[in-house]
C-alpha atoms as a PDB file:
ATOM      1  CA  MET A   1      -7.142  11.336 -10.914  1.00  0.00           C
ATOM      2  CA  SER A   2      -4.972   8.552  -9.348  1.00  0.00           C
ATOM      3  CA  GLN A   3      -1.738   9.429  -8.496  1.00  0.00           C
ATOM      4  CA  GLN A   4       0.619   7.012  -7.054  1.00  0.00           C
ATOM      5  CA  LEU A   5       3.973   6.719  -5.168  1.00  0.00           C
ATOM      6  CA  VAL A   6       5.965   4.181  -5.891  1.00  0.00           C
ATOM      7  CA  GLY A   7       9.737   2.953  -6.081  1.00  0.00           C
ATOM      8  CA  GLY A   8      11.268   3.434  -9.748  1.00  0.00           C
ATOM      9  CA  ARG A   9      11.197  -0.476 -10.349  1.00  0.00           C
ATOM     10  CA  ASN A  10       7.476  -0.562  -9.846  1.00  0.00           C
ATOM     11  CA  ILE A  11       6.442   2.480 -12.132  1.00  0.00           C
ATOM     12  CA  GLU A  12       5.162   0.476 -15.198  1.00  0.00           C
ATOM     13  CA  PHE A  13       3.688  -2.169 -12.843  1.00  0.00           C
ATOM     14  CA  VAL A  14       1.294   0.515 -11.261  1.00  0.00           C
ATOM     15  CA  LYS A  15       0.705   2.080 -14.481  1.00  0.00           C
ATOM     16  CA  GLY A  16      -0.484  -1.272 -15.849  1.00  0.00           C
ATOM     17  CA  LEU A  17      -2.772  -1.491 -12.716  1.00  0.00           C
ATOM     18  CA  GLY A  18      -4.528   1.740 -13.890  1.00  0.00           C
ATOM     19  CA  ALA A  19      -2.879   4.657 -12.271  1.00  0.00           C
ATOM     20  CA  ASP A  20      -3.435   7.919 -14.163  1.00  0.00           C
ATOM     21  CA  GLU A  21       0.089   9.265 -12.986  1.00  0.00           C
ATOM     22  CA  VAL A  22       3.067   7.412 -11.010  1.00  0.00           C
ATOM     23  CA  LEU A  23       5.667   9.156  -9.177  1.00  0.00           C
ATOM     24  CA  ASP A  24       9.040   7.721  -7.999  1.00  0.00           C
ATOM     25  CA  TYR A  25       9.086   8.546  -4.206  1.00  0.00           C
ATOM     26  CA  ARG A  26      12.713   8.806  -4.392  1.00  0.00           C
ATOM     27  CA  THR A  27      12.607  11.931  -6.661  1.00  0.00           C
ATOM     28  CA  LEU A  28       9.063  13.408  -6.171  1.00  0.00           C
ATOM     29  CA  GLU A  29       9.582  14.965  -9.594  1.00  0.00           C
ATOM     30  CA  GLY A  30       6.152  16.511 -10.863  1.00  0.00           C
ATOM     31  CA  ALA A  31       4.151  15.979  -7.263  1.00  0.00           C
ATOM     32  CA  VAL A  32       1.240  18.217  -7.159  1.00  0.00           C
ATOM     33  CA  THR A  33      -0.895  16.323  -4.880  1.00  0.00           C
ATOM     34  CA  GLY A  34      -1.896  17.947  -1.540  1.00  0.00           C
ATOM     35  CA  VAL A  35      -3.080  14.497   0.259  1.00  0.00           C
ATOM     36  CA  VAL A  36      -1.155  11.470   0.910  1.00  0.00           C
ATOM     37  CA  VAL A  37      -2.921   8.311   2.085  1.00  0.00           C
ATOM     38  CA  ASP A  38      -0.385   5.880   3.712  1.00  0.00           C
ATOM     39  CA  LEU A  39      -2.124   2.548   3.396  1.00  0.00           C
ATOM     40  CA  THR A  40       0.641   0.815   4.924  1.00  0.00           C
ATOM     41  CA  PRO A  41       1.331   2.819   8.054  1.00  0.00           C
ATOM     42  CA  ASN A  42       4.441   1.655  10.188  1.00  0.00           C
ATOM     43  CA  PRO A  43       5.494   2.604  13.911  1.00  0.00           C
ATOM     44  CA  SER A  44       7.346   5.763  12.659  1.00  0.00           C
ATOM     45  CA  SER A  45       3.975   6.993  10.763  1.00  0.00           C
ATOM     46  CA  LEU A  46       2.130   6.336  13.849  1.00  0.00           C
ATOM     47  CA  MET A  47       4.526   8.003  16.123  1.00  0.00           C
ATOM     48  CA  CYS A  48       4.382  11.099  13.606  1.00  0.00           C
ATOM     49  CA  ALA A  49       0.659  11.129  14.058  1.00  0.00           C
ATOM     50  CA  ALA A  50       0.975  10.965  17.719  1.00  0.00           C
ATOM     51  CA  LEU A  51       3.753  13.914  17.935  1.00  0.00           C
ATOM     52  CA  LYS A  52       1.368  16.061  15.526  1.00  0.00           C
ATOM     53  CA  LYS A  53      -0.675  16.738  18.827  1.00  0.00           C
ATOM     54  CA  VAL A  54       2.309  18.086  20.578  1.00  0.00           C
ATOM     55  CA  THR A  55       4.373  20.193  17.985  1.00  0.00           C
ATOM     56  CA  PHE A  56       3.703  23.034  16.068  1.00  0.00           C
ATOM     57  CA  SER A  57       4.274  21.737  12.706  1.00  0.00           C
ATOM     58  CA  LYS A  58       2.580  23.358   9.726  1.00  0.00           C
ATOM     59  CA  ARG A  59       1.839  20.140   7.892  1.00  0.00           C
ATOM     60  CA  ARG A  60      -1.582  18.827   7.986  1.00  0.00           C
ATOM     61  CA  LEU A  61      -1.677  15.360   9.426  1.00  0.00           C
ATOM     62  CA  VAL A  62      -5.007  13.715   9.837  1.00  0.00           C
ATOM     63  CA  PRO A  63      -4.608   9.957  10.984  1.00  0.00           C
ATOM     64  CA  PHE A  64      -7.449   7.522  10.440  1.00  0.00           C
ATOM     65  CA  PHE A  65      -7.831   3.854  10.916  1.00  0.00           C
ATOM     66  CA  VAL A  66     -10.171   1.445   8.976  1.00  0.00           C
ATOM     67  CA  ASP A  67     -12.556  -0.894  10.656  1.00  0.00           C
ATOM     68  CA  VAL A  68     -12.937  -3.889   8.448  1.00  0.00           C
ATOM     69  CA  LYS A  69     -16.589  -5.089   8.685  1.00  0.00           C
ATOM     70  CA  ARG A  70     -17.936  -8.207   7.158  1.00  0.00           C
ATOM     71  CA  GLU A  71     -20.009  -6.359   4.565  1.00  0.00           C
ATOM     72  CA  GLY A  72     -16.939  -4.592   3.209  1.00  0.00           C
ATOM     73  CA  LEU A  73     -14.992  -7.739   2.738  1.00  0.00           C
ATOM     74  CA  ASP A  74     -17.885  -9.330   0.988  1.00  0.00           C
ATOM     75  CA  TYR A  75     -18.115  -6.275  -1.324  1.00  0.00           C
ATOM     76  CA  LEU A  76     -14.493  -6.507  -2.057  1.00  0.00           C
ATOM     77  CA  LEU A  77     -14.749 -10.078  -2.779  1.00  0.00           C
ATOM     78  CA  GLN A  78     -17.451  -9.679  -5.092  1.00  0.00           C
ATOM     79  CA  LEU A  79     -15.266  -7.063  -7.122  1.00  0.00           C
ATOM     80  CA  LEU A  80     -12.590  -9.555  -7.400  1.00  0.00           C
ATOM     81  CA  LYS A  81     -15.167 -12.171  -8.765  1.00  0.00           C
ATOM     82  CA  ASP A  82     -16.576  -9.790 -11.189  1.00  0.00           C
ATOM     83  CA  GLY A  83     -13.013  -8.947 -12.502  1.00  0.00           C
ATOM     84  CA  LYS A  84     -13.262  -5.262 -11.234  1.00  0.00           C
ATOM     85  CA  LEU A  85     -10.493  -5.590  -8.779  1.00  0.00           C
ATOM     86  CA  LYS A  86      -6.990  -6.462  -9.601  1.00  0.00           C
ATOM     87  CA  SER A  87      -5.032  -8.452  -6.971  1.00  0.00           C
ATOM     88  CA  ALA A  88      -1.273  -8.524  -7.849  1.00  0.00           C
ATOM     89  CA  ILE A  89       0.394 -11.814  -6.310  1.00  0.00           C
ATOM     90  CA  ASP A  90       4.088 -11.828  -6.244  1.00  0.00           C
ATOM     91  CA  SER A  91       4.610 -15.118  -4.701  1.00  0.00           C
ATOM     92  CA  LYS A  92       3.062 -18.106  -2.979  1.00  0.00           C
ATOM     93  CA  PHE A  93       4.594 -20.087  -0.031  1.00  0.00           C
ATOM     94  CA  PRO A  94       3.300 -23.222   1.562  1.00  0.00           C
ATOM     95  CA  LEU A  95       2.618 -22.948   5.287  1.00  0.00           C
ATOM     96  CA  SER A  96       5.675 -25.066   5.889  1.00  0.00           C
ATOM     97  CA  LYS A  97       7.661 -22.194   4.308  1.00  0.00           C
ATOM     98  CA  ALA A  98       6.021 -19.445   6.100  1.00  0.00           C
ATOM     99  CA  GLU A  99       9.581 -18.109   7.409  1.00  0.00           C
ATOM    100  CA  ASP A 100      10.490 -17.692   3.772  1.00  0.00           C
ATOM    101  CA  ALA A 101       7.502 -15.705   2.988  1.00  0.00           C
ATOM    102  CA  TRP A 102       8.206 -13.345   5.994  1.00  0.00           C
ATOM    103  CA  ALA A 103      11.854 -12.815   4.668  1.00  0.00           C
ATOM    104  CA  LYS A 104      10.874 -12.160   1.293  1.00  0.00           C
ATOM    105  CA  SER A 105       8.240  -9.603   2.709  1.00  0.00           C
ATOM    106  CA  ILE A 106      10.838  -7.746   4.930  1.00  0.00           C
ATOM    107  CA  ASP A 107      13.466  -7.410   1.877  1.00  0.00           C
ATOM    108  CA  GLY A 108      11.016  -4.840   0.366  1.00  0.00           C
ATOM    109  CA  HIS A 109      11.286  -6.281  -3.370  1.00  0.00           C
ATOM    110  CA  ALA A 110       7.933  -7.873  -3.776  1.00  0.00           C
ATOM    111  CA  THR A 111       5.783  -6.382  -6.526  1.00  0.00           C
ATOM    112  CA  GLY A 112       2.324  -7.418  -5.286  1.00  0.00           C
ATOM    113  CA  LYS A 113       1.145  -9.696  -2.372  1.00  0.00           C
ATOM    114  CA  ILE A 114       3.139 -12.531  -0.778  1.00  0.00           C
ATOM    115  CA  THR A 115       0.584 -15.210   0.272  1.00  0.00           C
ATOM    116  CA  VAL A 116       0.998 -18.296   2.636  1.00  0.00           C
ATOM    117  CA  GLU A 117      -1.337 -21.081   1.886  1.00  0.00           C
ATOM    118  CA  PRO A 118      -2.309 -24.050   4.219  1.00  0.00           C
END
């Protein structure tokens, strides 16, 4: 079962991508999962992983990093070509507008990926 954590405005979007159950991370009502995978780690989550080594927290935290290799990217590309992988593009910017793309990405209101094209 796929249980996804998203902001309230993205619940229907994520359901449309095929999630079995979607939770609003602001309320966490109905949360029963025992494992959370953060696919977008930030400095604070990395610091949390480092502090786990020096604290007596009862929470189980297992940091891991993915090493992307050519074979894996080729496999993902084939899934995309076969229509088995959904890619949600929020917006596209030309390279000359990369600063605008960056501003939109840090705004936190994109539903999907923001791309910059040459």
